[in-house]
Amino acid sequence: MKNERTGLGRIINAFVFSMKGLKFCYQSEAAFRQELWLSAVLIPLAFWLGGASVDRVLLIVPIFLVLIVEVLNSAIESMVDRISDEYHVLSGAAKDMGSAAVWLSLMLLIISWLIILI
C-alpha cells in the first residue's frame, strides 16, 4: 500500500508541490511570467479603481483565472511534449485548444474590466 500523508502533512506536501509547479511554470513559460507581472500591476489597480467590494472581486477573479488557465495550458504542453516530439494532429489540437483556453480567459479579463470600469 502506498504511504500517503494525512492531515496537516498532506496539506503541507500539497503546498510544496504547488509551489514547485508555479516555480517551474515561471521559469519555463514566458507567457506565464508576462501574465504574472501583469497581475502584479492589475491587482493593486483593481483595489484602487474598484468602488465596491464586489467590483474589486469582479476585477480580480479574471486575473487569477488567466493565471490558472495558463498553468493548465503549460501542463498540457508539457505532457504532449513528454509523450513525443513528433508532430501528430491530436498533439497539435491539444496544444491549440490549451492556447484557445488562455485566449478566452484573457478576453474575459478584458471584457470584465471594460464593463466594470466603463
N, C-alpha and C. Protein backbone atom coordinates (compact mmCIF):
# COMPACT_ATOMS: atom_id res chain seq x y z
N MET A 1 0.84 -1.18 0.00
CA MET A 1 0.00 0.00 0.00
C MET A 1 0.89 1.24 0.00
N LYS A 2 0.47 2.22 -0.75
CA LYS A 2 1.20 3.46 -0.88
C LYS A 2 1.20 4.23 0.45
N ASN A 3 2.38 4.74 0.83
CA ASN A 3 2.49 5.51 2.07
C ASN A 3 2.06 6.95 1.79
N GLU A 4 0.86 7.30 2.19
CA GLU A 4 0.34 8.65 1.96
C GLU A 4 0.24 9.40 3.27
N ARG A 5 0.55 10.66 3.21
CA ARG A 5 0.39 11.51 4.38
C ARG A 5 -1.07 11.89 4.52
N THR A 6 -1.43 12.18 5.75
CA THR A 6 -2.79 12.63 6.01
C THR A 6 -2.74 13.90 6.84
N GLY A 7 -3.86 14.55 6.94
CA GLY A 7 -3.96 15.73 7.79
C GLY A 7 -3.05 16.85 7.36
N LEU A 8 -2.38 17.45 8.33
CA LEU A 8 -1.53 18.60 8.09
C LEU A 8 -0.36 18.26 7.17
N GLY A 9 0.19 17.07 7.30
CA GLY A 9 1.31 16.65 6.44
C GLY A 9 0.91 16.65 4.97
N ARG A 10 -0.30 16.21 4.67
CA ARG A 10 -0.79 16.19 3.30
C ARG A 10 -0.96 17.61 2.78
N ILE A 11 -1.48 18.49 3.61
CA ILE A 11 -1.69 19.89 3.22
C ILE A 11 -0.34 20.55 2.94
N ILE A 12 0.64 20.29 3.78
CA ILE A 12 1.97 20.85 3.59
C ILE A 12 2.59 20.32 2.30
N ASN A 13 2.49 19.01 2.07
CA ASN A 13 3.00 18.42 0.82
C ASN A 13 2.33 19.04 -0.40
N ALA A 14 1.02 19.20 -0.35
CA ALA A 14 0.29 19.77 -1.47
C ALA A 14 0.77 21.19 -1.75
N PHE A 15 1.00 21.96 -0.68
CA PHE A 15 1.50 23.33 -0.84
C PHE A 15 2.89 23.32 -1.48
N VAL A 16 3.78 22.44 -1.00
CA VAL A 16 5.15 22.38 -1.54
C VAL A 16 5.10 22.01 -3.02
N PHE A 17 4.29 21.01 -3.39
CA PHE A 17 4.20 20.61 -4.79
C PHE A 17 3.61 21.73 -5.64
N SER A 18 2.64 22.45 -5.10
CA SER A 18 2.05 23.58 -5.83
C SER A 18 3.08 24.66 -6.09
N MET A 19 3.90 24.96 -5.10
CA MET A 19 4.93 25.99 -5.27
C MET A 19 5.98 25.53 -6.29
N LYS A 20 6.30 24.23 -6.29
CA LYS A 20 7.23 23.70 -7.30
C LYS A 20 6.65 23.87 -8.69
N GLY A 21 5.35 23.62 -8.82
CA GLY A 21 4.69 23.77 -10.12
C GLY A 21 4.69 25.21 -10.59
N LEU A 22 4.40 26.14 -9.68
CA LEU A 22 4.42 27.55 -10.04
C LEU A 22 5.83 28.01 -10.40
N LYS A 23 6.82 27.53 -9.66
CA LYS A 23 8.21 27.89 -9.94
C LYS A 23 8.63 27.38 -11.31
N PHE A 24 8.28 26.13 -11.61
CA PHE A 24 8.63 25.56 -12.91
C PHE A 24 7.95 26.33 -14.04
N CYS A 25 6.68 26.65 -13.84
CA CYS A 25 5.93 27.38 -14.85
C CYS A 25 6.55 28.76 -15.06
N TYR A 26 6.92 29.43 -13.99
CA TYR A 26 7.54 30.75 -14.09
C TYR A 26 8.87 30.68 -14.83
N GLN A 27 9.65 29.66 -14.52
CA GLN A 27 10.98 29.53 -15.12
C GLN A 27 10.93 29.11 -16.59
N SER A 28 9.90 28.36 -16.97
CA SER A 28 9.90 27.78 -18.32
C SER A 28 8.90 28.41 -19.29
N GLU A 29 7.99 29.23 -18.81
CA GLU A 29 6.94 29.77 -19.68
C GLU A 29 6.94 31.30 -19.66
N ALA A 30 7.36 31.88 -20.77
CA ALA A 30 7.40 33.34 -20.89
C ALA A 30 6.00 33.94 -20.74
N ALA A 31 5.00 33.29 -21.31
CA ALA A 31 3.64 33.82 -21.23
C ALA A 31 3.18 33.90 -19.77
N PHE A 32 3.50 32.87 -18.98
CA PHE A 32 3.11 32.89 -17.56
C PHE A 32 3.81 34.03 -16.83
N ARG A 33 5.09 34.22 -17.12
CA ARG A 33 5.82 35.33 -16.49
C ARG A 33 5.17 36.67 -16.84
N GLN A 34 4.84 36.86 -18.09
CA GLN A 34 4.21 38.11 -18.51
C GLN A 34 2.87 38.31 -17.82
N GLU A 35 2.08 37.27 -17.77
CA GLU A 35 0.76 37.37 -17.13
C GLU A 35 0.88 37.58 -15.62
N LEU A 36 1.87 36.97 -15.02
CA LEU A 36 2.08 37.16 -13.58
C LEU A 36 2.48 38.61 -13.28
N TRP A 37 3.38 39.17 -14.07
CA TRP A 37 3.79 40.56 -13.87
C TRP A 37 2.64 41.51 -14.17
N LEU A 38 1.83 41.17 -15.17
CA LEU A 38 0.65 41.98 -15.46
C LEU A 38 -0.31 41.95 -14.26
N SER A 39 -0.46 40.77 -13.66
CA SER A 39 -1.34 40.66 -12.49
C SER A 39 -0.80 41.47 -11.31
N ALA A 40 0.51 41.57 -11.20
CA ALA A 40 1.11 42.37 -10.13
C ALA A 40 0.77 43.85 -10.28
N VAL A 41 0.47 44.26 -11.50
CA VAL A 41 0.04 45.64 -11.75
C VAL A 41 -1.48 45.76 -11.61
N LEU A 42 -2.19 44.80 -12.20
CA LEU A 42 -3.66 44.89 -12.25
C LEU A 42 -4.34 44.68 -10.90
N ILE A 43 -3.81 43.82 -10.06
CA ILE A 43 -4.48 43.57 -8.77
C ILE A 43 -4.49 44.81 -7.89
N PRO A 44 -3.35 45.48 -7.69
CA PRO A 44 -3.44 46.74 -6.93
C PRO A 44 -4.32 47.79 -7.61
N LEU A 45 -4.28 47.82 -8.95
CA LEU A 45 -5.12 48.75 -9.70
C LEU A 45 -6.60 48.45 -9.47
N ALA A 46 -6.93 47.17 -9.36
CA ALA A 46 -8.32 46.77 -9.09
C ALA A 46 -8.79 47.29 -7.74
N PHE A 47 -7.92 47.26 -6.75
CA PHE A 47 -8.29 47.80 -5.44
C PHE A 47 -8.48 49.31 -5.50
N TRP A 48 -7.70 49.96 -6.34
CA TRP A 48 -7.79 51.40 -6.45
C TRP A 48 -9.00 51.85 -7.28
N LEU A 49 -9.26 51.13 -8.40
CA LEU A 49 -10.33 51.53 -9.31
C LEU A 49 -11.70 50.98 -8.91
N GLY A 50 -11.71 49.80 -8.31
CA GLY A 50 -12.99 49.19 -7.93
C GLY A 50 -13.62 49.94 -6.78
N GLY A 51 -14.86 50.33 -6.96
CA GLY A 51 -15.54 51.08 -5.90
C GLY A 51 -15.97 50.17 -4.76
N ALA A 52 -16.97 49.39 -5.03
CA ALA A 52 -17.49 48.47 -4.02
C ALA A 52 -16.64 47.20 -3.99
N SER A 53 -16.76 46.47 -2.91
CA SER A 53 -16.01 45.22 -2.77
C SER A 53 -16.31 44.25 -3.90
N VAL A 54 -17.56 44.20 -4.30
CA VAL A 54 -17.94 43.28 -5.38
C VAL A 54 -17.27 43.67 -6.69
N ASP A 55 -17.09 44.97 -6.94
CA ASP A 55 -16.37 45.41 -8.13
C ASP A 55 -14.92 44.95 -8.09
N ARG A 56 -14.33 45.06 -6.94
CA ARG A 56 -12.93 44.63 -6.79
C ARG A 56 -12.79 43.14 -7.06
N VAL A 57 -13.70 42.37 -6.51
CA VAL A 57 -13.67 40.91 -6.74
C VAL A 57 -13.85 40.61 -8.22
N LEU A 58 -14.79 41.30 -8.87
CA LEU A 58 -15.05 41.05 -10.28
C LEU A 58 -13.90 41.51 -11.18
N LEU A 59 -13.06 42.39 -10.69
CA LEU A 59 -11.87 42.77 -11.43
C LEU A 59 -10.71 41.80 -11.18
N ILE A 60 -10.63 41.25 -9.98
CA ILE A 60 -9.51 40.38 -9.60
C ILE A 60 -9.70 38.93 -10.05
N VAL A 61 -10.91 38.41 -9.97
CA VAL A 61 -11.15 36.99 -10.30
C VAL A 61 -10.67 36.64 -11.71
N PRO A 62 -10.98 37.44 -12.75
CA PRO A 62 -10.48 37.07 -14.09
C PRO A 62 -8.96 37.07 -14.20
N ILE A 63 -8.29 37.86 -13.39
CA ILE A 63 -6.83 37.87 -13.40
C ILE A 63 -6.31 36.50 -12.95
N PHE A 64 -6.87 36.01 -11.84
CA PHE A 64 -6.46 34.68 -11.37
C PHE A 64 -6.87 33.59 -12.35
N LEU A 65 -8.00 33.76 -13.00
CA LEU A 65 -8.45 32.77 -13.98
C LEU A 65 -7.44 32.67 -15.13
N VAL A 66 -6.93 33.79 -15.60
CA VAL A 66 -5.91 33.77 -16.66
C VAL A 66 -4.69 32.98 -16.19
N LEU A 67 -4.24 33.24 -14.97
CA LEU A 67 -3.07 32.52 -14.45
C LEU A 67 -3.33 31.03 -14.32
N ILE A 68 -4.51 30.68 -13.83
CA ILE A 68 -4.88 29.27 -13.67
C ILE A 68 -4.90 28.56 -15.02
N VAL A 69 -5.54 29.19 -15.99
CA VAL A 69 -5.64 28.58 -17.32
C VAL A 69 -4.26 28.47 -17.96
N GLU A 70 -3.40 29.46 -17.76
CA GLU A 70 -2.05 29.39 -18.30
C GLU A 70 -1.26 28.24 -17.69
N VAL A 71 -1.40 28.02 -16.39
CA VAL A 71 -0.72 26.89 -15.75
C VAL A 71 -1.23 25.57 -16.34
N LEU A 72 -2.54 25.45 -16.50
CA LEU A 72 -3.10 24.22 -17.09
C LEU A 72 -2.65 24.04 -18.54
N ASN A 73 -2.60 25.13 -19.30
CA ASN A 73 -2.12 25.05 -20.68
C ASN A 73 -0.66 24.60 -20.71
N SER A 74 0.13 25.12 -19.82
CA SER A 74 1.54 24.72 -19.75
C SER A 74 1.67 23.25 -19.39
N ALA A 75 0.80 22.77 -18.50
CA ALA A 75 0.82 21.35 -18.13
C ALA A 75 0.46 20.48 -19.34
N ILE A 76 -0.54 20.90 -20.10
CA ILE A 76 -0.92 20.16 -21.31
C ILE A 76 0.25 20.12 -22.28
N GLU A 77 0.88 21.27 -22.51
CA GLU A 77 2.02 21.32 -23.43
C GLU A 77 3.16 20.42 -22.96
N SER A 78 3.43 20.43 -21.66
CA SER A 78 4.49 19.58 -21.12
C SER A 78 4.20 18.11 -21.34
N MET A 79 2.95 17.72 -21.10
CA MET A 79 2.58 16.31 -21.29
C MET A 79 2.68 15.90 -22.76
N VAL A 80 2.21 16.76 -23.64
CA VAL A 80 2.28 16.45 -25.07
C VAL A 80 3.74 16.33 -25.50
N ASP A 81 4.58 17.26 -25.05
CA ASP A 81 6.00 17.21 -25.41
C ASP A 81 6.69 15.99 -24.81
N ARG A 82 6.25 15.55 -23.64
CA ARG A 82 6.84 14.37 -22.98
C ARG A 82 6.53 13.10 -23.74
N ILE A 83 5.31 13.05 -24.29
CA ILE A 83 4.88 11.84 -25.00
C ILE A 83 5.69 11.63 -26.27
N SER A 84 5.85 12.71 -27.05
CA SER A 84 6.59 12.57 -28.30
C SER A 84 6.92 13.95 -28.84
N ASP A 85 8.08 14.03 -29.52
CA ASP A 85 8.42 15.29 -30.17
C ASP A 85 8.04 15.28 -31.64
N GLU A 86 7.45 14.16 -32.08
CA GLU A 86 6.97 14.08 -33.46
C GLU A 86 5.60 14.75 -33.56
N TYR A 87 5.35 15.39 -34.71
CA TYR A 87 4.06 16.04 -34.89
C TYR A 87 2.97 15.00 -35.03
N HIS A 88 1.87 15.23 -34.36
CA HIS A 88 0.65 14.44 -34.52
C HIS A 88 -0.51 15.41 -34.47
N VAL A 89 -1.51 15.19 -35.30
CA VAL A 89 -2.63 16.11 -35.38
C VAL A 89 -3.32 16.29 -34.02
N LEU A 90 -3.43 15.23 -33.22
CA LEU A 90 -4.07 15.35 -31.92
C LEU A 90 -3.20 16.11 -30.92
N SER A 91 -1.89 15.94 -31.03
CA SER A 91 -0.98 16.71 -30.17
C SER A 91 -1.10 18.20 -30.50
N GLY A 92 -1.12 18.51 -31.78
CA GLY A 92 -1.28 19.90 -32.19
C GLY A 92 -2.62 20.46 -31.74
N ALA A 93 -3.67 19.65 -31.86
CA ALA A 93 -5.00 20.09 -31.45
C ALA A 93 -5.05 20.34 -29.95
N ALA A 94 -4.41 19.47 -29.16
CA ALA A 94 -4.39 19.65 -27.70
C ALA A 94 -3.71 20.96 -27.33
N LYS A 95 -2.57 21.24 -27.97
CA LYS A 95 -1.86 22.49 -27.69
C LYS A 95 -2.67 23.70 -28.14
N ASP A 96 -3.30 23.58 -29.31
CA ASP A 96 -4.12 24.69 -29.81
C ASP A 96 -5.33 24.95 -28.92
N MET A 97 -5.93 23.90 -28.40
CA MET A 97 -7.08 24.07 -27.52
C MET A 97 -6.67 24.70 -26.19
N GLY A 98 -5.50 24.32 -25.69
CA GLY A 98 -4.99 24.95 -24.48
C GLY A 98 -4.73 26.43 -24.71
N SER A 99 -4.17 26.76 -25.85
CA SER A 99 -3.93 28.15 -26.22
C SER A 99 -5.25 28.90 -26.35
N ALA A 100 -6.25 28.26 -26.93
CA ALA A 100 -7.57 28.89 -27.07
C ALA A 100 -8.18 29.17 -25.70
N ALA A 101 -7.97 28.27 -24.76
CA ALA A 101 -8.49 28.47 -23.40
C ALA A 101 -7.84 29.70 -22.76
N VAL A 102 -6.55 29.87 -22.96
CA VAL A 102 -5.85 31.05 -22.43
C VAL A 102 -6.42 32.30 -23.08
N TRP A 103 -6.59 32.27 -24.39
CA TRP A 103 -7.13 33.43 -25.11
C TRP A 103 -8.52 33.79 -24.60
N LEU A 104 -9.36 32.78 -24.41
CA LEU A 104 -10.71 33.03 -23.89
C LEU A 104 -10.66 33.66 -22.49
N SER A 105 -9.75 33.18 -21.65
CA SER A 105 -9.65 33.76 -20.31
C SER A 105 -9.15 35.20 -20.37
N LEU A 106 -8.26 35.50 -21.32
CA LEU A 106 -7.81 36.87 -21.49
C LEU A 106 -8.95 37.77 -21.99
N MET A 107 -9.78 37.24 -22.89
CA MET A 107 -10.93 38.01 -23.37
C MET A 107 -11.90 38.28 -22.23
N LEU A 108 -12.10 37.31 -21.36
CA LEU A 108 -12.95 37.50 -20.19
C LEU A 108 -12.39 38.61 -19.29
N LEU A 109 -11.09 38.60 -19.11
CA LEU A 109 -10.43 39.63 -18.31
C LEU A 109 -10.67 41.02 -18.91
N ILE A 110 -10.44 41.16 -20.20
CA ILE A 110 -10.61 42.45 -20.86
C ILE A 110 -12.06 42.91 -20.81
N ILE A 111 -12.97 42.02 -21.13
CA ILE A 111 -14.40 42.38 -21.14
C ILE A 111 -14.87 42.76 -19.74
N SER A 112 -14.46 42.00 -18.74
CA SER A 112 -14.85 42.30 -17.36
C SER A 112 -14.37 43.69 -16.95
N TRP A 113 -13.12 43.98 -17.22
CA TRP A 113 -12.56 45.28 -16.85
C TRP A 113 -13.29 46.41 -17.59
N LEU A 114 -13.54 46.20 -18.89
CA LEU A 114 -14.23 47.24 -19.65
C LEU A 114 -15.64 47.50 -19.11
N ILE A 115 -16.38 46.43 -18.85
CA ILE A 115 -17.75 46.59 -18.35
C ILE A 115 -17.77 47.30 -17.01
N ILE A 116 -16.90 46.88 -16.11
CA ILE A 116 -16.92 47.46 -14.75
C ILE A 116 -16.41 48.90 -14.75
N LEU A 117 -15.37 49.16 -15.53
CA LEU A 117 -14.75 50.49 -15.49
C LEU A 117 -15.46 51.51 -16.37
N ILE A 118 -16.21 51.04 -17.36
CA ILE A 118 -16.95 51.99 -18.22
C ILE A 118 -18.37 52.05 -17.75
